[in-house]
Amino acid sequence: MTTDYVNANRFSRTDIPVRDLEPQVLTTRGATRLIVATPSSAPQLWLDYLDGARQSYASHGVSMALEYDTVVRGDCTSLFYAAVDEDGTVIGGLRAQGPYVDPHQSHALLEWAGQPGLQLVTDAIRSRLDEGIVEVKTAWAADGPTAPTVAGMLARLAIPTFTLMGTRYIMATAADHVLRRWESSGGRVAEHIPASPYPDSRYRTSLMWWDRETLAVDADPAVYAQMVATSAPLTTNRQSSFSPSRVGAA
């Protein structure tokens, strides 16, 4: 399928509802494939992705931040991306939840609980709800020689996620040094919000936003072109509006 780009800031949304999304290879780098799916359309891939996340989080001593027993059910996840190697092993990925209808659906409010920036986080989310927010979470890449490739793939999923979800905004929370790596894809750290020591005092967690309307300006031109190419298999020239959900935070 082809995409009719109205201008440099616009890209189409797929006409396939996310709930009906079948597993699809978005891009391949060397022997690594990046697959997009939903927990219900690819249940084994979903479990493999989360098992890898659990191992990754455990290795960094932050297992509690994953909330595995809640997330594994899949009902709080709209879609997920899994990087798979030539042997079929999941070596990284991330998931998306939303679109949100209330700030309290975001785990960010728990991450800033008791911190000076809590109200600023709440207000930032609330002010963007009407135009749609998806949150990306549980990003990880397995240690080893494939880690840079996988990290690069995961950092370039803004346009595919906008394409599938139809929202204006994507949000993410992570350690500040991790988010800085994602700035080339158009993400911008909310500098006015004080970082939170989450999940513990070793970390400084910050909030990042991607804005669909300014992405072409905010992103590095080469990275933007790569994101457009990655989303091409998903898109048609039909625009659709997002449908907010009442998926709970996790």
Protein backbone atom coordinates (compact mmCIF):
# COMPACT_ATOMS: atom_id res chain seq x y z
CA MET A 1 0.00 0.00 0.00
CA THR A 2 1.14 3.57 -0.59
CA THR A 3 0.75 6.72 1.44
CA ASP A 4 -0.34 10.12 0.15
CA TYR A 5 1.55 12.64 2.26
CA VAL A 6 -0.46 15.85 2.48
CA ASN A 7 2.61 17.77 3.64
CA ALA A 8 5.81 17.16 5.55
CA ASN A 9 3.95 17.22 8.86
CA ARG A 10 1.19 14.79 7.97
CA PHE A 11 1.04 11.06 7.56
CA SER A 12 -1.96 8.80 7.18
CA ARG A 13 -3.47 6.38 9.59
CA THR A 14 -4.12 2.75 8.78
CA ASP A 15 -7.72 1.78 8.10
CA ILE A 16 -7.24 -1.43 10.10
CA PRO A 17 -8.55 -1.12 13.69
CA VAL A 18 -5.76 -1.93 16.13
CA ARG A 19 -7.87 -4.65 17.73
CA ASP A 20 -7.84 -6.47 14.37
CA LEU A 21 -4.13 -5.95 13.72
CA GLU A 22 -2.44 -9.15 12.61
CA PRO A 23 1.29 -9.66 13.32
CA GLN A 24 3.30 -7.85 10.67
CA VAL A 25 7.00 -7.37 9.98
CA LEU A 26 7.62 -3.63 9.80
CA THR A 27 11.32 -3.60 9.02
CA THR A 28 14.42 -5.78 8.96
CA ARG A 29 17.96 -4.83 9.95
CA GLY A 30 20.43 -7.58 9.15
CA ALA A 31 18.96 -10.72 10.70
CA THR A 32 16.71 -8.78 13.10
CA ARG A 33 13.02 -8.37 12.27
CA LEU A 34 10.73 -5.86 13.97
CA ILE A 35 7.18 -7.18 14.33
CA VAL A 36 4.09 -5.24 15.40
CA ALA A 37 1.13 -7.13 16.86
CA THR A 38 -1.41 -7.12 19.67
CA PRO A 39 -1.37 -9.43 22.69
CA SER A 40 -4.42 -11.25 21.35
CA SER A 41 -3.19 -11.61 17.76
CA ALA A 42 0.22 -13.02 18.77
CA PRO A 43 -0.11 -14.44 22.30
CA GLN A 44 3.12 -16.45 22.29
CA LEU A 45 5.13 -13.55 20.89
CA TRP A 46 3.58 -11.36 23.57
CA LEU A 47 4.66 -13.75 26.33
CA ASP A 48 8.16 -14.05 24.86
CA TYR A 49 8.45 -10.25 24.74
CA LEU A 50 7.34 -9.88 28.36
CA ASP A 51 9.55 -12.73 29.56
CA GLY A 52 12.50 -10.95 27.99
CA ALA A 53 11.44 -7.71 29.64
CA ARG A 54 11.20 -9.46 32.99
CA GLN A 55 14.74 -10.79 32.65
CA SER A 56 16.03 -7.38 31.57
CA TYR A 57 14.33 -5.54 34.43
CA ALA A 58 15.56 -8.15 36.93
CA SER A 59 19.13 -7.76 35.73
CA HIS A 60 18.93 -4.06 36.59
CA GLY A 61 17.23 -4.66 39.93
CA VAL A 62 13.97 -2.92 38.97
CA SER A 63 11.55 -5.86 38.56
CA MET A 64 8.84 -4.04 40.49
CA ALA A 65 8.65 -1.36 37.79
CA LEU A 66 7.47 -3.92 35.22
CA GLU A 67 4.35 -5.00 37.15
CA TYR A 68 4.46 -8.27 35.23
CA ASP A 69 1.41 -9.94 36.79
CA THR A 70 -0.79 -7.02 35.73
CA VAL A 71 0.72 -6.38 32.31
CA VAL A 72 0.87 -10.02 31.18
CA ARG A 73 -2.93 -10.19 30.87
CA GLY A 74 -2.64 -7.89 27.87
CA ASP A 75 -5.78 -5.89 28.54
CA CYS A 76 -3.85 -2.69 29.25
CA THR A 77 -1.78 -2.94 26.04
CA SER A 78 -3.10 -1.69 22.70
CA LEU A 79 -0.19 -3.00 20.62
CA PHE A 80 3.43 -4.04 21.01
CA TYR A 81 6.60 -4.26 18.96
CA ALA A 82 8.99 -7.20 19.23
CA ALA A 83 12.49 -7.45 17.75
CA VAL A 84 13.18 -11.05 16.74
CA ASP A 85 16.52 -12.56 15.74
CA GLU A 86 17.22 -15.18 13.08
CA ASP A 87 16.54 -17.99 15.57
CA GLY A 88 13.12 -16.60 16.44
CA THR A 89 14.22 -15.31 19.84
CA VAL A 90 12.73 -12.03 21.03
CA ILE A 91 15.65 -9.70 21.75
CA GLY A 92 13.79 -6.51 22.58
CA GLY A 93 10.61 -4.54 22.18
CA LEU A 94 8.17 -2.06 23.65
CA ARG A 95 4.42 -1.75 24.12
CA ALA A 96 1.82 1.01 23.85
CA GLN A 97 -1.28 1.68 25.90
CA GLY A 98 -4.12 4.11 25.33
CA PRO A 99 -5.47 6.33 23.91
CA TYR A 100 -6.18 7.70 27.38
CA VAL A 101 -9.33 9.41 28.59
CA ASP A 102 -8.03 10.32 32.05
CA PRO A 103 -4.60 11.25 33.43
CA HIS A 104 -4.84 8.52 36.06
CA GLN A 105 -4.63 5.87 33.36
CA SER A 106 -0.95 6.74 33.04
CA HIS A 107 1.56 5.02 35.29
CA ALA A 108 3.45 8.32 35.33
CA LEU A 109 1.28 9.56 38.19
CA LEU A 110 2.54 6.70 40.34
CA GLU A 111 6.11 7.40 39.25
CA TRP A 112 5.82 10.99 40.48
CA ALA A 113 3.73 10.20 43.57
CA GLY A 114 4.91 12.37 46.45
CA GLN A 115 7.27 14.31 44.20
CA PRO A 116 7.22 18.05 43.41
CA GLY A 117 6.46 17.41 39.75
CA LEU A 118 3.28 15.37 40.26
CA GLN A 119 0.83 18.18 39.53
CA LEU A 120 2.85 19.28 36.50
CA VAL A 121 2.73 15.73 35.10
CA THR A 122 -1.01 15.52 35.73
CA ASP A 123 -1.65 18.88 34.07
CA ALA A 124 0.56 18.01 31.07
CA ILE A 125 -1.41 14.84 30.44
CA ARG A 126 -4.82 16.41 31.03
CA SER A 127 -4.14 19.28 28.63
CA ARG A 128 -3.42 16.85 25.77
CA LEU A 129 -6.23 14.32 26.27
CA ASP A 130 -8.63 15.83 23.75
CA GLU A 131 -6.17 15.32 20.90
CA GLY A 132 -5.18 11.84 21.97
CA ILE A 133 -2.32 10.37 24.01
CA VAL A 134 -0.67 6.98 23.71
CA GLU A 135 1.99 5.96 26.22
CA VAL A 136 4.90 3.72 25.22
CA LYS A 137 6.32 1.53 27.97
CA THR A 138 8.41 -1.50 28.82
CA ALA A 139 11.15 -0.82 26.28
CA TRP A 140 14.12 -3.17 26.50
CA ALA A 141 16.92 -4.62 24.40
CA ALA A 142 18.85 -7.78 25.20
CA ASP A 143 22.51 -7.37 26.03
CA GLY A 144 24.90 -8.37 23.28
CA PRO A 145 25.99 -7.38 19.79
CA THR A 146 22.40 -6.80 18.61
CA ALA A 147 21.62 -4.25 21.34
CA PRO A 148 22.52 -1.13 19.30
CA THR A 149 20.44 -2.32 16.34
CA VAL A 150 17.42 -3.08 18.51
CA ALA A 151 17.73 0.18 20.45
CA GLY A 152 17.79 2.07 17.16
CA MET A 153 14.69 0.26 15.92
CA LEU A 154 12.76 1.00 19.10
CA ALA A 155 13.73 4.66 19.07
CA ARG A 156 12.17 5.10 15.63
CA LEU A 157 8.61 3.98 16.22
CA ALA A 158 6.84 7.32 16.61
CA ILE A 159 5.33 7.43 13.12
CA PRO A 160 4.27 3.75 13.10
CA THR A 161 2.59 4.29 16.47
CA PHE A 162 0.87 7.50 15.35
CA THR A 163 -0.19 5.69 12.17
CA LEU A 164 -1.78 2.82 14.06
CA MET A 165 -3.26 4.75 16.97
CA GLY A 166 -4.28 8.03 15.31
CA THR A 167 -3.40 10.25 18.27
CA ARG A 168 -1.54 13.54 18.26
CA TYR A 169 0.75 12.71 21.19
CA ILE A 170 2.97 9.91 22.42
CA MET A 171 4.41 10.01 25.92
CA ALA A 172 7.11 8.01 27.65
CA THR A 173 8.82 8.04 31.01
CA ALA A 174 12.33 6.73 31.51
CA ALA A 175 15.70 7.62 32.92
CA ASP A 176 16.78 10.94 31.48
CA HIS A 177 19.87 9.52 29.76
CA VAL A 178 17.68 6.94 27.98
CA LEU A 179 15.22 9.54 26.73
CA ARG A 180 18.04 11.68 25.35
CA ARG A 181 18.78 8.87 22.90
CA TRP A 182 15.25 9.22 21.55
CA GLU A 183 15.46 12.93 20.77
CA SER A 184 16.57 12.23 17.20
CA SER A 185 13.13 10.70 16.56
CA GLY A 186 11.40 13.92 17.60
CA GLY A 187 10.85 13.26 21.29
CA ARG A 188 11.30 16.20 23.64
CA VAL A 189 11.89 15.95 27.39
CA ALA A 190 9.49 18.05 29.46
CA GLU A 191 12.24 20.18 30.98
CA HIS A 192 9.87 22.10 33.27
CA ILE A 193 8.96 18.93 35.19
CA PRO A 194 11.45 17.93 37.91
CA ALA A 195 12.77 14.39 37.44
CA SER A 196 11.52 11.72 39.85
CA PRO A 197 13.73 9.19 41.70
CA TYR A 198 11.82 6.26 40.21
CA PRO A 199 11.95 3.29 40.55
CA ASP A 200 14.59 4.11 43.18
CA SER A 201 17.18 6.72 44.05
CA ARG A 202 19.63 5.42 41.42
CA TYR A 203 17.43 6.82 38.67
CA ARG A 204 16.16 10.19 37.51
CA THR A 205 12.97 9.52 35.56
CA SER A 206 11.76 12.21 33.17
CA LEU A 207 8.75 12.67 30.88
CA MET A 208 9.08 12.89 27.09
CA TRP A 209 6.52 13.90 24.46
CA TRP A 210 6.29 13.32 20.72
CA ASP A 211 3.91 15.68 18.89
CA ARG A 212 2.52 14.46 15.59
CA GLU A 213 2.06 18.04 14.38
CA THR A 214 5.70 19.04 14.86
CA LEU A 215 7.46 15.72 14.37
CA ALA A 216 8.82 16.56 10.93
CA VAL A 217 10.59 19.58 12.43
CA ASP A 218 11.59 18.02 15.75
CA ALA A 219 13.07 14.80 14.34
CA ASP A 220 16.42 14.43 12.64
CA PRO A 221 15.64 14.42 8.88
CA ALA A 222 17.34 11.07 8.28
CA VAL A 223 15.55 9.46 11.22
CA TYR A 224 12.23 10.96 10.10
CA ALA A 225 12.69 9.42 6.65
CA GLN A 226 13.43 6.05 8.25
CA MET A 227 10.27 6.27 10.37
CA VAL A 228 8.19 7.10 7.31
CA ALA A 229 9.62 4.09 5.49
CA THR A 230 8.94 1.85 8.48
CA SER A 231 5.29 2.94 8.61
CA ALA A 232 4.67 2.59 4.87
CA PRO A 233 3.39 -1.02 5.03
CA LEU A 234 0.70 0.09 7.51
CA THR A 235 -0.75 3.12 5.81
CA THR A 236 -3.39 4.11 3.32
CA ASN A 237 -4.43 7.59 2.24
CA ARG A 238 -7.46 7.57 4.53
CA GLN A 239 -7.38 9.70 7.68
CA SER A 240 -9.13 8.38 10.79
CA SER A 241 -9.76 9.80 14.23
CA PHE A 242 -8.53 8.09 17.37
CA SER A 243 -10.87 6.26 19.72
CA PRO A 244 -10.06 6.86 23.40
CA SER A 245 -10.17 3.81 25.64
CA ARG A 246 -10.56 3.24 29.34
CA VAL A 247 -7.59 0.96 29.62
CA GLY A 248 -6.15 1.19 33.12
CA ALA A 249 -2.61 2.14 33.99
CA ALA A 250 0.08 -0.47 34.29
